[in-house]
Each structure stands twice: as C-alpha cells, then as structure tokens.
Amino acid sequence: MTLEGAVAEVINEYRVVTNIGAKDGVEESHRYLIYSLSEPITDPETGDELGQIEYKKSIVHPVEIHDGYSIMESDESTPSIFDTQLSPMTAMTGSKKKLTSDPEFKHGDKDVEIGDPIKFYEDKSIKHPQAGVTVDGNEVAVTSLADHTAGVFCSNADIDHPDEIDEGVNGATSVGQTFTCDGDRVMGITSDGKTGTIKTI
C-alpha cells in the first residue's frame, strides 16, 4: 500500500495531526511511520547522487480520522527502568513513548516536528496464515492450524480459495492430514484468502 503524507501539527508529547485522512484511505487498524531523511548521499568517485538514508522517528496509529486529516498517537512504549533488572515475567510495563522531548526519537537534534514525512507501515487487522507442518521428502503432514487458517497447500498448486484445495494431492484443511508437495514451499491460506509461506522445502 502506498499512502504517504506529512505531520501538519504537533499537539502534545504523544499526538500529532497528519494531512492524510479517510479520503486517502486511513483506517483505525493502520500503523504509520514518521521519519526523516538524511542529506543526499553522493558517490565520492562519480559524484552521482545515491539516495538518502531514512531515519525512523516513531510509529503512530490513528485515534481520530477525519475526511482530510487524522490525529495520530504514539504506538510505542519506552522500556521500564525495571525491564533491565527483572525478568520479563515480573518487569513492569513501560510508559507510552513520547513523540517529542525524548532522545529515543531524535535524529541529530530533531524531535517529531511539522513537515516530517509519514507513510503507511502496517495493518494490524491483517491475520497471516499460521500452521505447523512436518515434511518428509515431499510428504507434508499438518500438525496444527490457527483458528483463522483455512488450510495449507503446495506453492506450485493453482489454488486461490480453501475449497479448491485438492486433499491428499496438493493441500490439506485439517490437522492430521497429509499431502504430496512437489513444489519449493508449503503455503498457508486464511479464511479470507490471505496467503503466506509456512515452510520452505
């Protein structure tokens, strides 16, 4: 997804206004990256411009979405002082990470500020297929399936939907089933059609 904009206003330590909103495709489940760019890097031998380094400043999520703009809030937390002293099971939860006045977010002497570019980072609502499989030669056995995973199949099988999986030949839809895969990887598919690699053969 290509969705880019800029920080239009810094509200406080945790929230900013961006110039992208509902009309641009912003959704509550989205996460966005606020970043800065280095000065252009030049090849010392040819003088050609090579590009710029992208410096991450923050990950934010929408809390208010309007037609032409959105208010976004920090989506990260700073580690608690106890995190380095106690085990993960007993460490206290860190506080929400600030967008300004926090050295962790600075590139040089810059906080998140008006004009910083922002772009789509990820969609938290997307569930990728998850499954457990064992592979013996080209025989694949399904050992586990996540609730949102409809099945697994061989990557060279022309399958776009779970009900098209040819059981026992190139796919399986339940734990305990086996199938033959002559391809190079086993793919998973979710109930809403999203696919992803489960295991490379």
Protein backbone atom coordinates (compact mmCIF):
# COMPACT_ATOMS: atom_id res chain seq x y z
CA MET A 1 0.00 0.00 0.00
CA THR A 2 1.27 3.46 -0.94
CA LEU A 3 -0.13 6.03 1.45
CA GLU A 4 2.07 8.99 2.30
CA GLY A 5 1.65 12.39 3.91
CA ALA A 6 3.22 14.70 6.45
CA VAL A 7 2.90 15.87 10.03
CA ALA A 8 0.73 19.02 9.96
CA GLU A 9 0.75 19.86 13.67
CA VAL A 10 2.30 18.57 16.90
CA ILE A 11 -0.48 18.57 19.52
CA ASN A 12 1.49 17.36 22.53
CA GLU A 13 4.15 14.84 23.54
CA TYR A 14 2.10 11.91 22.27
CA ARG A 15 -0.17 13.15 19.47
CA VAL A 16 0.22 14.76 16.05
CA VAL A 17 -2.10 15.86 13.25
CA THR A 18 -1.34 14.45 9.80
CA ASN A 19 -2.56 15.69 6.42
CA ILE A 20 -3.98 12.29 5.42
CA GLY A 21 -7.45 11.11 6.37
CA ALA A 22 -10.43 8.98 5.39
CA LYS A 23 -10.43 10.18 1.78
CA ASP A 24 -6.84 8.95 1.48
CA GLY A 25 -7.63 5.51 2.92
CA VAL A 26 -6.57 5.92 6.56
CA GLU A 27 -8.15 3.27 8.82
CA GLU A 28 -8.10 2.64 12.59
CA SER A 29 -6.14 -0.61 12.19
CA HIS A 30 -3.31 1.11 10.30
CA ARG A 31 0.08 1.95 11.72
CA TYR A 32 2.17 4.75 10.23
CA LEU A 33 5.88 5.54 10.23
CA ILE A 34 7.06 9.09 10.93
CA TYR A 35 10.60 9.52 9.66
CA SER A 36 13.24 11.98 8.46
CA LEU A 37 15.68 11.82 5.59
CA SER A 38 19.41 12.45 5.59
CA GLU A 39 21.11 14.84 3.24
CA PRO A 40 21.59 13.29 -0.22
CA ILE A 41 24.47 10.80 -0.29
CA THR A 42 26.91 11.29 -3.14
CA ASP A 43 29.19 8.73 -4.73
CA PRO A 44 32.73 10.01 -3.97
CA GLU A 45 34.06 8.60 -7.25
CA THR A 46 31.38 9.56 -9.76
CA GLY A 47 29.61 12.40 -7.99
CA ASP A 48 26.29 10.67 -8.66
CA GLU A 49 23.57 11.06 -6.06
CA LEU A 50 22.97 7.66 -4.45
CA GLY A 51 19.91 8.47 -2.39
CA GLN A 52 19.05 9.31 1.22
CA ILE A 53 19.01 7.41 4.50
CA GLU A 54 15.61 7.06 6.14
CA TYR A 55 15.64 7.63 9.91
CA LYS A 56 12.72 6.27 11.91
CA LYS A 57 11.23 8.72 14.41
CA SER A 58 8.06 6.96 15.52
CA ILE A 59 5.29 4.51 14.79
CA VAL A 60 1.83 6.03 15.31
CA HIS A 61 -1.81 4.96 14.96
CA PRO A 62 -4.97 6.97 14.18
CA VAL A 63 -7.18 7.94 17.11
CA GLU A 64 -9.39 10.37 15.18
CA ILE A 65 -9.95 10.07 11.43
CA HIS A 66 -11.49 12.97 9.54
CA ASP A 67 -12.02 13.33 5.82
CA GLY A 68 -8.86 15.30 5.11
CA TYR A 69 -6.73 14.79 8.20
CA SER A 70 -6.12 12.44 11.12
CA ILE A 71 -4.97 12.74 14.71
CA MET A 72 -2.41 10.04 15.43
CA GLU A 73 -0.87 8.85 18.68
CA SER A 74 2.39 7.16 19.59
CA ASP A 75 2.09 3.39 19.17
CA GLU A 76 5.30 2.54 21.01
CA SER A 77 6.33 2.31 24.64
CA THR A 78 9.58 3.16 26.39
CA PRO A 79 11.12 0.30 28.41
CA SER A 80 10.51 0.49 32.14
CA ILE A 81 13.54 1.10 34.36
CA PHE A 82 12.74 -2.30 35.83
CA ASP A 83 12.94 -4.09 32.46
CA THR A 84 16.71 -4.48 32.69
CA GLN A 85 16.63 -5.52 36.35
CA LEU A 86 13.81 -8.05 36.45
CA SER A 87 12.75 -10.99 34.34
CA PRO A 88 10.17 -10.42 31.57
CA MET A 89 7.56 -12.12 33.76
CA THR A 90 7.96 -9.61 36.58
CA ALA A 91 9.10 -6.45 34.80
CA MET A 92 6.69 -3.53 34.96
CA THR A 93 5.11 -2.30 31.72
CA GLY A 94 6.85 0.72 30.21
CA SER A 95 5.11 4.01 29.53
CA LYS A 96 3.92 5.30 26.16
CA LYS A 97 6.81 6.65 24.16
CA LYS A 98 6.81 10.41 23.59
CA LEU A 99 6.90 11.92 20.12
CA THR A 100 8.79 14.99 21.33
CA SER A 101 11.37 15.78 24.02
CA ASP A 102 12.57 12.17 24.02
CA PRO A 103 16.16 11.37 22.91
CA GLU A 104 14.97 7.99 21.61
CA PHE A 105 13.12 9.79 18.81
CA LYS A 106 15.79 12.30 17.87
CA HIS A 107 17.82 12.30 14.68
CA GLY A 108 20.52 14.80 15.49
CA ASP A 109 18.68 17.44 17.49
CA LYS A 110 15.27 16.87 15.94
CA ASP A 111 12.05 15.68 17.56
CA VAL A 112 8.97 14.76 15.58
CA GLU A 113 8.00 18.07 14.03
CA ILE A 114 5.75 19.76 11.49
CA GLY A 115 6.64 18.72 7.96
CA ASP A 116 8.08 15.32 8.85
CA PRO A 117 7.06 12.75 6.23
CA ILE A 118 4.73 9.94 7.25
CA LYS A 119 3.83 6.75 5.41
CA PHE A 120 1.82 3.56 5.80
CA TYR A 121 3.69 0.96 7.88
CA GLU A 122 1.34 -1.99 8.52
CA ASP A 123 -2.27 -3.04 9.01
CA LYS A 124 -2.80 -4.64 12.43
CA SER A 125 -6.11 -6.20 11.30
CA ILE A 126 -4.44 -8.48 8.76
CA LYS A 127 -4.04 -12.02 10.06
CA HIS A 128 -1.44 -14.09 8.26
CA PRO A 129 -1.83 -17.86 7.96
CA GLN A 130 -0.22 -19.83 10.76
CA ALA A 131 0.22 -23.60 10.80
CA GLY A 132 2.55 -26.34 11.93
CA VAL A 133 3.77 -28.89 9.39
CA THR A 134 6.34 -31.64 9.18
CA VAL A 135 8.00 -32.54 5.87
CA ASP A 136 9.44 -35.95 4.96
CA GLY A 137 10.74 -35.86 1.42
CA ASN A 138 7.79 -34.43 -0.47
CA GLU A 139 5.17 -35.67 2.01
CA VAL A 140 3.72 -32.93 4.19
CA ALA A 141 1.77 -33.56 7.40
CA VAL A 142 -0.29 -30.86 9.13
CA THR A 143 0.36 -30.78 12.89
CA SER A 144 -1.53 -27.60 13.82
CA LEU A 145 -3.70 -24.85 12.32
CA ALA A 146 -4.51 -21.43 13.77
CA ASP A 147 -8.22 -20.59 14.04
CA HIS A 148 -8.02 -18.12 11.15
CA THR A 149 -6.06 -20.51 8.87
CA ALA A 150 -8.26 -22.43 6.43
CA GLY A 151 -5.58 -24.78 5.18
CA VAL A 152 -2.14 -25.31 3.68
CA PHE A 153 -1.10 -26.16 0.14
CA CYS A 154 1.88 -26.68 -2.14
CA SER A 155 3.22 -23.47 -3.68
CA ASN A 156 3.03 -24.82 -7.23
CA ALA A 157 -0.67 -25.61 -6.87
CA ASP A 158 -3.00 -23.21 -8.66
CA ILE A 159 -5.24 -22.55 -5.66
CA ASP A 160 -6.93 -19.25 -4.83
CA HIS A 161 -9.52 -20.43 -2.32
CA PRO A 162 -9.57 -23.00 0.52
CA ASP A 163 -12.37 -25.09 -1.00
CA GLU A 164 -10.25 -25.65 -4.11
CA ILE A 165 -7.53 -27.50 -2.20
CA ASP A 166 -7.17 -30.99 -3.66
CA GLU A 167 -6.99 -33.07 -0.47
CA GLY A 168 -4.12 -35.55 -0.37
CA VAL A 169 -2.52 -34.26 -3.57
CA ASN A 170 -1.53 -30.65 -3.02
CA GLY A 171 -3.15 -29.47 0.18
CA ALA A 172 -4.95 -30.12 3.46
CA THR A 173 -7.54 -28.29 5.55
CA SER A 174 -7.32 -30.01 8.93
CA VAL A 175 -4.79 -31.26 11.47
CA GLY A 176 -3.60 -34.82 10.83
CA GLN A 177 -3.99 -34.71 7.07
CA THR A 178 -1.06 -35.28 4.73
CA PHE A 179 -0.42 -34.33 1.13
CA THR A 180 2.28 -34.52 -1.52
CA CYS A 181 4.15 -31.37 -2.46
CA ASP A 182 6.48 -31.25 -5.44
CA GLY A 183 6.97 -27.50 -5.14
CA ASP A 184 9.52 -25.49 -3.19
CA ARG A 185 7.37 -24.38 -0.25
CA VAL A 186 4.22 -25.00 1.72
CA MET A 187 1.81 -22.06 1.79
CA GLY A 188 -0.99 -21.28 4.21
CA ILE A 189 -4.27 -19.58 3.39
CA THR A 190 -6.63 -17.75 5.75
CA SER A 191 -10.41 -17.88 5.68
CA ASP A 192 -10.47 -14.52 3.89
CA GLY A 193 -7.97 -15.55 1.23
CA LYS A 194 -4.65 -14.16 2.52
CA THR A 195 -1.66 -16.41 1.85
CA GLY A 196 1.83 -16.73 3.30
CA THR A 197 4.76 -19.12 3.39
CA ILE A 198 4.60 -21.71 6.18
CA LYS A 199 7.71 -23.72 5.37
CA THR A 200 10.32 -23.80 2.62
CA ILE A 201 11.05 -27.29 1.32
